[in-house]
Amino acid sequence: MSEDTTQKDIGRLEGQIKGVEVQLASIERLLREQNTQASDSRKALYDRVGRVETAIEVSGKVEAQVRDRIDRLEVKVHDRIEDLAKSVDGQFEAIEPTIEAWRDLLRTGRRISIIMGVAGLSLAGVMTALAAWFGETLPAWVRSWLRLG
């Protein structure tokens, strides 16, 4: 009997061991599935991070290109403004004698106008004096010519 009990106990132990083996196999399978899922998840995360890093890198390069273009445009605009300023200064220096000659002509015209005005006033005064002289002399001359007096 004791051997039967021992055999039963061994059988029970074997059954329990098989149950434990099944549970261990189940746990092992779950762990492998979780490990695979975690690996896939990490891979997807790394891929996304890589794409984000690439996007950030591309964005940084694009921004650098834009900055470079803006800097070049600023330099071109600044150079063009300087060229225009030099050109205007050069043109002003080129036409400055002409402007000065025009100013001299205007001054001469004013002087001539003043002289003509003074001459006109003088002529008007002379004409008035002649008219007054003729006014006094003409009747006496006509009387003497006609022998009326």
N, C-alpha and C. Protein backbone atom coordinates (compact mmCIF):
# COMPACT_ATOMS: atom_id res chain seq x y z
N MET A 1 0.78 -1.16 0.00
CA MET A 1 0.00 0.00 0.00
C MET A 1 0.84 1.24 0.00
N SER A 2 1.78 1.09 0.63
CA SER A 2 2.66 2.20 0.72
C SER A 2 3.26 2.48 -0.65
N GLU A 3 3.43 1.38 -1.38
CA GLU A 3 3.94 1.58 -2.72
C GLU A 3 2.85 2.20 -3.58
N ASP A 4 1.63 1.85 -3.42
CA ASP A 4 0.53 2.43 -4.16
C ASP A 4 0.41 3.92 -3.84
N THR A 5 0.53 4.24 -2.64
CA THR A 5 0.43 5.63 -2.22
C THR A 5 1.60 6.40 -2.80
N THR A 6 2.69 5.78 -2.79
CA THR A 6 3.87 6.44 -3.32
C THR A 6 3.67 6.64 -4.81
N GLN A 7 3.15 5.60 -5.46
CA GLN A 7 2.90 5.69 -6.90
C GLN A 7 1.86 6.79 -7.17
N LYS A 8 0.84 6.87 -6.35
CA LYS A 8 -0.19 7.90 -6.53
C LYS A 8 0.41 9.29 -6.31
N ASP A 9 1.23 9.34 -5.28
CA ASP A 9 1.86 10.64 -4.99
C ASP A 9 2.77 11.06 -6.16
N ILE A 10 3.50 10.07 -6.66
CA ILE A 10 4.39 10.35 -7.79
C ILE A 10 3.54 10.76 -8.99
N GLY A 11 2.43 10.06 -9.21
CA GLY A 11 1.54 10.39 -10.32
C GLY A 11 0.97 11.81 -10.16
N ARG A 12 0.57 12.11 -8.92
CA ARG A 12 0.05 13.45 -8.65
C ARG A 12 1.12 14.50 -8.89
N LEU A 13 2.32 14.18 -8.44
CA LEU A 13 3.43 15.11 -8.62
C LEU A 13 3.75 15.28 -10.11
N GLU A 14 3.69 14.16 -10.83
CA GLU A 14 3.93 14.25 -12.26
C GLU A 14 2.85 15.11 -12.92
N GLY A 15 1.61 14.95 -12.49
CA GLY A 15 0.51 15.75 -13.03
C GLY A 15 0.71 17.23 -12.70
N GLN A 16 1.13 17.47 -11.48
CA GLN A 16 1.35 18.86 -11.09
C GLN A 16 2.53 19.45 -11.88
N ILE A 17 3.56 18.60 -12.08
CA ILE A 17 4.72 19.06 -12.84
C ILE A 17 4.29 19.37 -14.27
N LYS A 18 3.44 18.49 -14.85
CA LYS A 18 2.95 18.75 -16.20
C LYS A 18 2.14 20.04 -16.23
N GLY A 19 1.33 20.27 -15.20
CA GLY A 19 0.54 21.51 -15.11
C GLY A 19 1.47 22.72 -15.01
N VAL A 20 2.52 22.55 -14.22
CA VAL A 20 3.49 23.65 -14.07
C VAL A 20 4.21 23.86 -15.40
N GLU A 21 4.55 22.70 -16.10
CA GLU A 21 5.22 22.82 -17.38
C GLU A 21 4.33 23.54 -18.40
N VAL A 22 3.03 23.23 -18.38
CA VAL A 22 2.08 23.88 -19.29
C VAL A 22 2.01 25.37 -18.96
N GLN A 23 1.92 25.66 -17.66
CA GLN A 23 1.86 27.06 -17.25
C GLN A 23 3.15 27.79 -17.62
N LEU A 24 4.30 27.11 -17.42
CA LEU A 24 5.58 27.72 -17.80
C LEU A 24 5.65 27.95 -19.30
N ALA A 25 5.15 26.97 -20.07
CA ALA A 25 5.13 27.12 -21.53
C ALA A 25 4.22 28.29 -21.92
N SER A 26 3.09 28.41 -21.22
CA SER A 26 2.17 29.51 -21.49
C SER A 26 2.82 30.84 -21.14
N ILE A 27 3.49 30.88 -20.00
CA ILE A 27 4.18 32.10 -19.57
C ILE A 27 5.30 32.44 -20.56
N GLU A 28 6.02 31.38 -21.00
CA GLU A 28 7.10 31.58 -21.96
C GLU A 28 6.54 32.14 -23.28
N ARG A 29 5.42 31.57 -23.73
CA ARG A 29 4.79 32.05 -24.95
C ARG A 29 4.35 33.50 -24.79
N LEU A 30 3.74 33.84 -23.65
CA LEU A 30 3.32 35.23 -23.39
C LEU A 30 4.52 36.17 -23.38
N LEU A 31 5.58 35.74 -22.72
CA LEU A 31 6.79 36.57 -22.65
C LEU A 31 7.37 36.80 -24.05
N ARG A 32 7.37 35.73 -24.89
CA ARG A 32 7.88 35.88 -26.26
C ARG A 32 6.99 36.84 -27.06
N GLU A 33 5.67 36.69 -26.90
CA GLU A 33 4.75 37.58 -27.61
C GLU A 33 4.95 39.03 -27.17
N GLN A 34 5.06 39.23 -25.86
CA GLN A 34 5.27 40.57 -25.34
C GLN A 34 6.61 41.14 -25.80
N ASN A 35 7.62 40.26 -25.81
CA ASN A 35 8.94 40.69 -26.26
C ASN A 35 8.88 41.09 -27.73
N THR A 36 8.18 40.30 -28.55
CA THR A 36 8.03 40.61 -29.97
C THR A 36 7.26 41.92 -30.15
N GLN A 37 6.16 42.06 -29.39
CA GLN A 37 5.37 43.28 -29.47
C GLN A 37 6.20 44.49 -29.03
N ALA A 38 6.94 44.34 -27.94
CA ALA A 38 7.77 45.45 -27.45
C ALA A 38 8.84 45.80 -28.48
N SER A 39 9.41 44.77 -29.10
CA SER A 39 10.43 45.00 -30.13
C SER A 39 9.83 45.74 -31.32
N ASP A 40 8.64 45.29 -31.76
CA ASP A 40 7.97 45.97 -32.88
C ASP A 40 7.62 47.40 -32.52
N SER A 41 7.14 47.60 -31.29
CA SER A 41 6.77 48.93 -30.83
C SER A 41 7.99 49.84 -30.79
N ARG A 42 9.11 49.33 -30.26
CA ARG A 42 10.34 50.11 -30.22
C ARG A 42 10.83 50.44 -31.63
N LYS A 43 10.71 49.46 -32.54
CA LYS A 43 11.12 49.68 -33.92
C LYS A 43 10.28 50.78 -34.55
N ALA A 44 8.96 50.73 -34.34
CA ALA A 44 8.08 51.76 -34.88
C ALA A 44 8.41 53.13 -34.28
N LEU A 45 8.68 53.14 -32.97
CA LEU A 45 9.04 54.39 -32.29
C LEU A 45 10.34 54.95 -32.86
N TYR A 46 11.35 54.09 -33.03
CA TYR A 46 12.62 54.53 -33.60
C TYR A 46 12.44 55.04 -35.02
N ASP A 47 11.57 54.36 -35.80
CA ASP A 47 11.31 54.83 -37.15
C ASP A 47 10.68 56.22 -37.14
N ARG A 48 9.69 56.41 -36.24
CA ARG A 48 9.04 57.72 -36.13
C ARG A 48 10.04 58.79 -35.69
N VAL A 49 10.85 58.44 -34.70
CA VAL A 49 11.86 59.39 -34.22
C VAL A 49 12.84 59.71 -35.35
N GLY A 50 13.20 58.70 -36.12
CA GLY A 50 14.10 58.93 -37.25
C GLY A 50 13.48 59.85 -38.28
N ARG A 51 12.17 59.64 -38.56
CA ARG A 51 11.49 60.52 -39.51
C ARG A 51 11.41 61.94 -38.97
N VAL A 52 11.12 62.08 -37.68
CA VAL A 52 11.06 63.41 -37.07
C VAL A 52 12.43 64.07 -37.13
N GLU A 53 13.48 63.30 -36.81
CA GLU A 53 14.83 63.87 -36.89
C GLU A 53 15.15 64.28 -38.32
N THR A 54 14.75 63.46 -39.28
CA THR A 54 14.99 63.80 -40.68
C THR A 54 14.21 65.06 -41.05
N ALA A 55 12.95 65.13 -40.60
CA ALA A 55 12.13 66.31 -40.90
C ALA A 55 12.75 67.54 -40.26
N ILE A 56 13.22 67.41 -39.04
CA ILE A 56 13.85 68.55 -38.36
C ILE A 56 15.13 68.94 -39.10
N GLU A 57 15.89 67.95 -39.52
CA GLU A 57 17.13 68.22 -40.25
C GLU A 57 16.84 68.92 -41.57
N VAL A 58 15.84 68.41 -42.29
CA VAL A 58 15.46 69.02 -43.57
C VAL A 58 14.94 70.43 -43.33
N SER A 59 14.11 70.59 -42.29
CA SER A 59 13.57 71.90 -41.97
C SER A 59 14.70 72.88 -41.63
N GLY A 60 15.68 72.42 -40.88
CA GLY A 60 16.83 73.26 -40.55
C GLY A 60 17.61 73.66 -41.79
N LYS A 61 17.77 72.71 -42.72
CA LYS A 61 18.49 73.02 -43.95
C LYS A 61 17.72 74.03 -44.80
N VAL A 62 16.40 73.83 -44.87
CA VAL A 62 15.57 74.76 -45.64
C VAL A 62 15.65 76.15 -45.02
N GLU A 63 15.56 76.21 -43.71
CA GLU A 63 15.63 77.49 -43.02
C GLU A 63 16.99 78.16 -43.26
N ALA A 64 18.05 77.36 -43.24
CA ALA A 64 19.38 77.90 -43.52
C ALA A 64 19.46 78.44 -44.95
N GLN A 65 18.86 77.71 -45.90
CA GLN A 65 18.85 78.19 -47.28
C GLN A 65 18.10 79.51 -47.39
N VAL A 66 16.95 79.59 -46.72
CA VAL A 66 16.15 80.81 -46.76
C VAL A 66 16.95 81.97 -46.16
N ARG A 67 17.60 81.70 -45.02
CA ARG A 67 18.42 82.75 -44.39
C ARG A 67 19.54 83.20 -45.32
N ASP A 68 20.19 82.24 -45.97
CA ASP A 68 21.27 82.58 -46.90
C ASP A 68 20.75 83.43 -48.05
N ARG A 69 19.60 83.04 -48.60
CA ARG A 69 19.04 83.82 -49.70
C ARG A 69 18.68 85.23 -49.26
N ILE A 70 18.08 85.33 -48.08
CA ILE A 70 17.71 86.66 -47.56
C ILE A 70 18.97 87.49 -47.36
N ASP A 71 20.02 86.89 -46.81
CA ASP A 71 21.27 87.63 -46.62
C ASP A 71 21.84 88.09 -47.95
N ARG A 72 21.81 87.20 -48.95
CA ARG A 72 22.33 87.58 -50.27
C ARG A 72 21.48 88.70 -50.87
N LEU A 73 20.15 88.60 -50.71
CA LEU A 73 19.29 89.66 -51.23
C LEU A 73 19.55 90.99 -50.52
N GLU A 74 19.75 90.93 -49.20
CA GLU A 74 20.05 92.15 -48.46
C GLU A 74 21.35 92.77 -48.97
N VAL A 75 22.35 91.94 -49.21
CA VAL A 75 23.62 92.44 -49.72
C VAL A 75 23.42 93.05 -51.10
N LYS A 76 22.67 92.36 -51.98
CA LYS A 76 22.42 92.89 -53.32
C LYS A 76 21.68 94.22 -53.26
N VAL A 77 20.63 94.29 -52.42
CA VAL A 77 19.86 95.53 -52.30
C VAL A 77 20.75 96.65 -51.76
N HIS A 78 21.54 96.34 -50.75
CA HIS A 78 22.43 97.34 -50.16
C HIS A 78 23.44 97.82 -51.20
N ASP A 79 24.03 96.89 -51.95
CA ASP A 79 24.98 97.27 -52.99
C ASP A 79 24.30 98.11 -54.06
N ARG A 80 23.09 97.73 -54.44
CA ARG A 80 22.36 98.47 -55.48
C ARG A 80 22.05 99.88 -55.00
N ILE A 81 21.66 100.01 -53.74
CA ILE A 81 21.36 101.34 -53.19
C ILE A 81 22.63 102.18 -53.18
N GLU A 82 23.75 101.57 -52.79
CA GLU A 82 25.02 102.31 -52.80
C GLU A 82 25.39 102.73 -54.21
N ASP A 83 25.20 101.81 -55.19
CA ASP A 83 25.49 102.15 -56.58
C ASP A 83 24.61 103.30 -57.06
N LEU A 84 23.33 103.25 -56.71
CA LEU A 84 22.42 104.33 -57.11
C LEU A 84 22.82 105.66 -56.46
N ALA A 85 23.20 105.59 -55.18
CA ALA A 85 23.62 106.81 -54.49
C ALA A 85 24.87 107.39 -55.15
N LYS A 86 25.82 106.51 -55.48
CA LYS A 86 27.03 106.99 -56.18
C LYS A 86 26.67 107.56 -57.54
N SER A 87 25.76 106.88 -58.24
CA SER A 87 25.35 107.34 -59.56
C SER A 87 24.67 108.70 -59.48
N VAL A 88 23.79 108.86 -58.49
CA VAL A 88 23.10 110.14 -58.32
C VAL A 88 24.12 111.22 -57.96
N ASP A 89 25.04 110.89 -57.05
CA ASP A 89 26.06 111.86 -56.69
C ASP A 89 26.90 112.23 -57.91
N GLY A 90 27.26 111.22 -58.71
CA GLY A 90 28.04 111.48 -59.92
C GLY A 90 27.26 112.30 -60.91
N GLN A 91 25.97 112.02 -61.07
CA GLN A 91 25.14 112.79 -61.99
C GLN A 91 24.98 114.21 -61.51
N PHE A 92 24.82 114.39 -60.19
CA PHE A 92 24.68 115.74 -59.65
C PHE A 92 25.96 116.52 -59.89
N GLU A 93 27.10 115.87 -59.67
CA GLU A 93 28.36 116.55 -59.94
C GLU A 93 28.50 116.88 -61.42
N ALA A 94 27.95 116.02 -62.28
CA ALA A 94 28.05 116.26 -63.72
C ALA A 94 27.15 117.42 -64.14
N ILE A 95 25.99 117.57 -63.52
CA ILE A 95 25.06 118.62 -63.95
C ILE A 95 25.17 119.88 -63.08
N GLU A 96 25.99 119.85 -62.07
CA GLU A 96 26.12 121.02 -61.19
C GLU A 96 26.57 122.26 -61.97
N PRO A 97 27.53 122.19 -62.92
CA PRO A 97 27.88 123.39 -63.69
C PRO A 97 26.69 123.92 -64.50
N THR A 98 25.88 123.02 -65.03
CA THR A 98 24.70 123.44 -65.78
C THR A 98 23.71 124.16 -64.88
N ILE A 99 23.51 123.62 -63.69
CA ILE A 99 22.60 124.26 -62.72
C ILE A 99 23.13 125.64 -62.36
N GLU A 100 24.43 125.75 -62.14
CA GLU A 100 25.03 127.04 -61.78
C GLU A 100 24.88 128.04 -62.94
N ALA A 101 25.06 127.55 -64.18
CA ALA A 101 24.88 128.43 -65.35
C ALA A 101 23.42 128.90 -65.43
N TRP A 102 22.48 128.01 -65.15
CA TRP A 102 21.06 128.38 -65.17
C TRP A 102 20.77 129.44 -64.10
N ARG A 103 21.36 129.27 -62.94
CA ARG A 103 21.18 130.27 -61.87
C ARG A 103 21.75 131.62 -62.31
N ASP A 104 22.91 131.59 -62.97
CA ASP A 104 23.49 132.84 -63.48
C ASP A 104 22.56 133.51 -64.49
N LEU A 105 21.96 132.68 -65.38
CA LEU A 105 21.00 133.23 -66.34
C LEU A 105 19.81 133.88 -65.63
N LEU A 106 19.33 133.24 -64.59
CA LEU A 106 18.19 133.80 -63.84
C LEU A 106 18.59 135.12 -63.18
N ARG A 107 19.78 135.16 -62.60
CA ARG A 107 20.26 136.40 -61.99
C ARG A 107 20.39 137.50 -63.04
N THR A 108 20.94 137.14 -64.21
CA THR A 108 21.10 138.12 -65.29
C THR A 108 19.73 138.60 -65.76
N GLY A 109 18.77 137.70 -65.86
CA GLY A 109 17.41 138.09 -66.25
C GLY A 109 16.79 139.04 -65.25
N ARG A 110 17.01 138.80 -63.98
CA ARG A 110 16.48 139.72 -62.96
C ARG A 110 17.13 141.09 -63.09
N ARG A 111 18.43 141.09 -63.29
CA ARG A 111 19.15 142.37 -63.43
C ARG A 111 18.63 143.14 -64.65
N ILE A 112 18.45 142.42 -65.76
CA ILE A 112 17.94 143.08 -66.97
C ILE A 112 16.54 143.62 -66.72
N SER A 113 15.72 142.87 -66.02
CA SER A 113 14.36 143.34 -65.71
C SER A 113 14.41 144.60 -64.86
N ILE A 114 15.30 144.62 -63.88
CA ILE A 114 15.42 145.82 -63.02
C ILE A 114 15.90 147.00 -63.84
N ILE A 115 16.90 146.76 -64.69
CA ILE A 115 17.43 147.86 -65.52
C ILE A 115 16.35 148.37 -66.46
N MET A 116 15.57 147.46 -67.07
CA MET A 116 14.51 147.89 -67.98
C MET A 116 13.42 148.65 -67.22
N GLY A 117 13.15 148.24 -66.03
CA GLY A 117 12.16 148.96 -65.22
C GLY A 117 12.62 150.37 -64.91
N VAL A 118 13.89 150.50 -64.52
CA VAL A 118 14.44 151.83 -64.22
C VAL A 118 14.45 152.66 -65.50
N ALA A 119 14.84 152.03 -66.63
CA ALA A 119 14.86 152.76 -67.90
C ALA A 119 13.45 153.19 -68.30
N GLY A 120 12.47 152.32 -68.09
CA GLY A 120 11.09 152.66 -68.41
C GLY A 120 10.59 153.82 -67.57
N LEU A 121 10.93 153.79 -66.29
CA LEU A 121 10.52 154.89 -65.42
C LEU A 121 11.21 156.19 -65.85
N SER A 122 12.48 156.05 -66.19
CA SER A 122 13.21 157.25 -66.64
C SER A 122 12.60 157.78 -67.93
N LEU A 123 12.31 156.92 -68.87
CA LEU A 123 11.70 157.33 -70.13
C LEU A 123 10.35 157.97 -69.89
N ALA A 124 9.59 157.39 -68.97
CA ALA A 124 8.28 157.98 -68.65
C ALA A 124 8.46 159.38 -68.07
N GLY A 125 9.48 159.54 -67.25
CA GLY A 125 9.75 160.88 -66.69
C GLY A 125 10.16 161.86 -67.77
N VAL A 126 11.02 161.40 -68.69
CA VAL A 126 11.44 162.27 -69.79
C VAL A 126 10.25 162.64 -70.66
N MET A 127 9.41 161.66 -70.98
CA MET A 127 8.23 161.93 -71.79
C MET A 127 7.30 162.92 -71.11
N THR A 128 7.16 162.78 -69.82
CA THR A 128 6.30 163.71 -69.08
C THR A 128 6.91 165.11 -69.13
N ALA A 129 8.20 165.19 -68.95
CA ALA A 129 8.88 166.50 -69.00
C ALA A 129 8.76 167.10 -70.40
N LEU A 130 8.94 166.28 -71.46
CA LEU A 130 8.79 166.76 -72.83
C LEU A 130 7.36 167.22 -73.10
N ALA A 131 6.41 166.47 -72.60
CA ALA A 131 5.01 166.86 -72.79
C ALA A 131 4.73 168.20 -72.11
N ALA A 132 5.29 168.37 -70.94
CA ALA A 132 5.09 169.64 -70.23
C ALA A 132 5.79 170.78 -70.99
N TRP A 133 6.95 170.50 -71.50
CA TRP A 133 7.70 171.53 -72.26
C TRP A 133 6.98 171.87 -73.55
N PHE A 134 6.52 170.80 -74.25
CA PHE A 134 5.76 171.05 -75.47
C PHE A 134 4.46 171.79 -75.15
N GLY A 135 3.90 171.43 -73.98
CA GLY A 135 2.65 172.11 -73.60
C GLY A 135 2.84 173.61 -73.42
N GLU A 136 4.01 174.01 -73.01
CA GLU A 136 4.27 175.42 -72.82
C GLU A 136 4.83 176.05 -74.10
N THR A 137 5.63 175.33 -74.83
CA THR A 137 6.34 175.87 -75.98
C THR A 137 5.49 175.84 -77.24
N LEU A 138 4.74 174.81 -77.44
CA LEU A 138 3.98 174.64 -78.66
C LEU A 138 2.98 175.80 -78.90
N PRO A 139 2.21 176.22 -77.93
CA PRO A 139 1.27 177.32 -78.21
C PRO A 139 2.02 178.60 -78.60
N ALA A 140 3.16 178.85 -77.95
CA ALA A 140 3.92 180.05 -78.29
C ALA A 140 4.49 179.91 -79.69
N TRP A 141 4.91 178.83 -80.07
CA TRP A 141 5.49 178.59 -81.39
C TRP A 141 4.41 178.69 -82.46
N VAL A 142 3.21 178.07 -82.19
CA VAL A 142 2.10 178.16 -83.14
C VAL A 142 1.69 179.64 -83.29
N ARG A 143 1.65 180.43 -82.26
CA ARG A 143 1.27 181.84 -82.34
C ARG A 143 2.29 182.64 -83.16
N SER A 144 3.53 182.30 -82.91
CA SER A 144 4.55 183.04 -83.68
C SER A 144 4.52 182.58 -85.15
N TRP A 145 4.20 181.38 -85.42
CA TRP A 145 4.14 180.88 -86.77
C TRP A 145 2.95 181.47 -87.50
N LEU A 146 1.86 181.55 -86.76
CA LEU A 146 0.66 182.13 -87.35
C LEU A 146 0.67 183.67 -87.22
N ARG A 147 1.57 184.22 -86.55
CA ARG A 147 1.75 185.65 -86.32
C ARG A 147 0.52 186.25 -85.65
N LEU A 148 0.15 185.57 -84.60
CA LEU A 148 -1.01 186.06 -83.89
C LEU A 148 -0.58 186.89 -82.68
N GLY A 149 0.56 186.88 -82.38
CA GLY A 149 0.85 187.47 -81.17
C GLY A 149 1.69 188.57 -80.97
